Protein backbone atom coordinates (compact mmCIF):
# COMPACT_ATOMS: atom_id res chain seq x y z
CA MET A 1 96.26 102.06 44.87
CA ALA A 2 98.47 103.04 48.09
CA LYS A 3 97.72 101.10 51.09
CA LYS A 4 96.66 103.18 54.23
CA LYS A 5 98.67 102.75 57.48
CA ALA A 6 96.65 101.68 60.33
CA SER A 7 96.91 104.10 62.93
CA ALA A 8 96.95 101.92 65.79
CA LYS A 9 99.38 103.35 68.24
CA LYS A 10 100.65 101.38 71.44
CA ALA A 11 99.36 102.21 74.66
CA ALA A 12 101.53 104.56 76.38
CA PRO A 13 102.91 103.10 79.56
CA ALA A 14 101.62 104.79 82.44
CA ALA A 15 103.79 107.20 84.37
CA LEU A 16 105.81 105.30 87.20
CA THR A 17 104.09 106.32 90.34
CA PRO A 18 105.73 105.38 93.82
CA VAL A 19 103.98 102.71 95.84
CA LYS A 20 103.98 103.77 99.24
CA GLN A 21 102.91 100.65 101.16
CA THR A 22 103.94 97.07 100.89
CA LEU A 23 101.27 95.27 98.84
CA THR A 24 99.74 92.22 100.09
CA LYS A 25 98.53 89.69 97.50
CA SER A 26 94.96 91.14 97.89
CA GLY A 27 96.26 94.76 97.50
CA LEU A 28 98.42 93.67 94.25
CA VAL A 29 95.02 92.20 92.80
CA ASN A 30 93.25 95.16 93.51
CA LEU A 31 95.77 97.25 92.18
CA LEU A 32 96.07 95.14 88.82
CA ALA A 33 92.10 95.38 88.62
CA GLU A 34 91.99 98.96 88.77
CA GLN A 35 94.92 99.98 86.32
CA ASN A 36 93.86 97.67 83.74
CA GLU A 37 90.10 97.80 84.18
CA LEU A 38 89.51 94.14 85.11
CA SER A 39 87.33 92.28 87.57
CA ARG A 40 88.93 91.22 90.55
CA LYS A 41 88.38 87.58 89.39
CA GLN A 42 90.36 88.27 86.14
CA ALA A 43 93.29 90.21 87.86
CA ALA A 44 93.46 87.17 90.35
CA GLY A 45 93.62 84.78 87.32
CA VAL A 46 96.25 86.68 85.76
CA LEU A 47 98.53 86.94 89.06
CA ALA A 48 97.74 82.90 89.35
CA THR A 49 98.91 82.26 85.80
CA LEU A 50 102.00 84.31 86.21
CA GLU A 51 102.68 82.30 89.61
CA ASN A 52 102.15 79.22 87.97
CA THR A 53 104.36 79.97 85.16
CA LEU A 54 107.19 80.93 87.51
CA LEU A 55 106.93 77.88 89.74
CA GLY A 56 106.60 75.53 86.65
CA SER A 57 109.74 77.04 85.16
CA VAL A 58 111.85 76.30 88.35
CA HIS A 59 110.37 72.81 88.97
CA PRO A 60 113.11 70.14 88.73
CA LYS A 61 111.39 69.02 85.33
CA GLY A 62 111.16 72.70 84.14
CA ALA A 63 113.22 75.02 82.07
CA GLY A 64 115.30 75.81 85.30
CA THR A 65 115.14 79.73 84.12
CA PHE A 66 112.24 82.34 84.19
CA ILE A 67 112.34 85.96 82.76
CA LEU A 68 110.14 88.51 83.55
CA PRO A 69 111.19 90.79 80.59
CA GLY A 70 112.93 93.93 81.68
CA LEU A 71 112.35 93.31 85.63
CA MET A 72 114.00 89.92 86.58
CA LYS A 73 115.42 86.64 85.62
CA VAL A 74 115.02 83.80 88.08
CA THR A 75 117.61 80.83 87.63
CA LEU A 76 118.69 77.98 89.33
CA ARG A 77 122.12 76.72 90.47
CA LYS A 78 122.65 73.12 91.45
CA VAL A 79 125.17 72.98 94.41
CA PRO A 80 127.18 69.82 94.45
CA ALA A 81 127.45 67.65 97.56
CA ARG A 82 130.32 68.00 99.96
CA LYS A 83 132.09 65.29 101.75
CA ALA A 84 132.91 65.21 105.27
CA GLY A 85 136.51 66.49 106.14
CA THR A 86 136.66 68.51 103.20
CA LEU A 87 139.02 71.45 103.90
CA ILE A 88 137.27 74.80 103.96
CA ARG A 89 138.76 78.52 104.84
CA ASN A 90 137.06 79.81 107.76
CA PRO A 91 136.11 83.55 106.70
CA ALA A 92 136.93 85.08 110.35
CA THR A 93 140.41 83.87 111.02
CA GLY A 94 141.62 82.45 107.64
CA GLU A 95 142.47 79.15 109.18
CA MET A 96 141.63 75.76 107.31
CA MET A 97 139.44 73.69 108.81
CA LYS A 98 137.51 70.39 108.18
CA ALA A 99 133.87 70.97 107.11
CA ALA A 100 130.60 68.81 107.96
CA ALA A 101 129.14 66.94 104.96
CA LYS A 102 126.38 68.64 102.99
CA PRO A 103 123.94 67.22 100.58
CA ALA A 104 123.54 68.61 97.09
CA SER A 105 121.04 71.41 96.70
CA VAL A 106 119.38 73.66 94.38
CA ARG A 107 119.77 77.34 94.92
CA VAL A 108 117.47 80.13 93.50
CA LYS A 109 119.15 83.15 92.16
CA ILE A 110 117.09 86.13 91.14
CA ARG A 111 118.85 88.59 89.23
CA PRO A 112 117.46 92.29 88.42
CA LEU A 113 117.29 93.64 84.96
CA LYS A 114 117.37 96.91 83.48
CA LYS A 115 113.85 98.28 84.36
CA LEU A 116 114.27 97.23 87.90
CA LYS A 117 117.78 98.57 88.09
CA SER A 118 116.71 101.95 86.73
CA ALA A 119 113.43 102.18 88.93
CA ALA A 120 115.67 101.54 92.19
CA ILE A 121 118.01 104.22 91.25
CA GLY A 122 115.31 106.65 90.72
């Protein structure tokens, strides 16, 4: 007996429509709720979960990286401390000068991925 293939189609992604206004948090929650047929409370929960996941990933004890597939990659870069008197190049004149001491720090780097780059190009 032959098996029947399920005719479950993937939901076609909605056509990309430009958003003319900068969205606030409540505006984004409303947009998520409208486009996905969710209540505002459910959409706010989805946004909160995404936010907590991102913050937990870049937490000092977290993974140190967060990827929103196709859109962006958030990574952390540890910058070592700099001792006082270290010679650095003055970018304006090219002259070498002594620098002040700086403590070690962590920088957040956000890298755009393919979908985000292609959407920005048009």
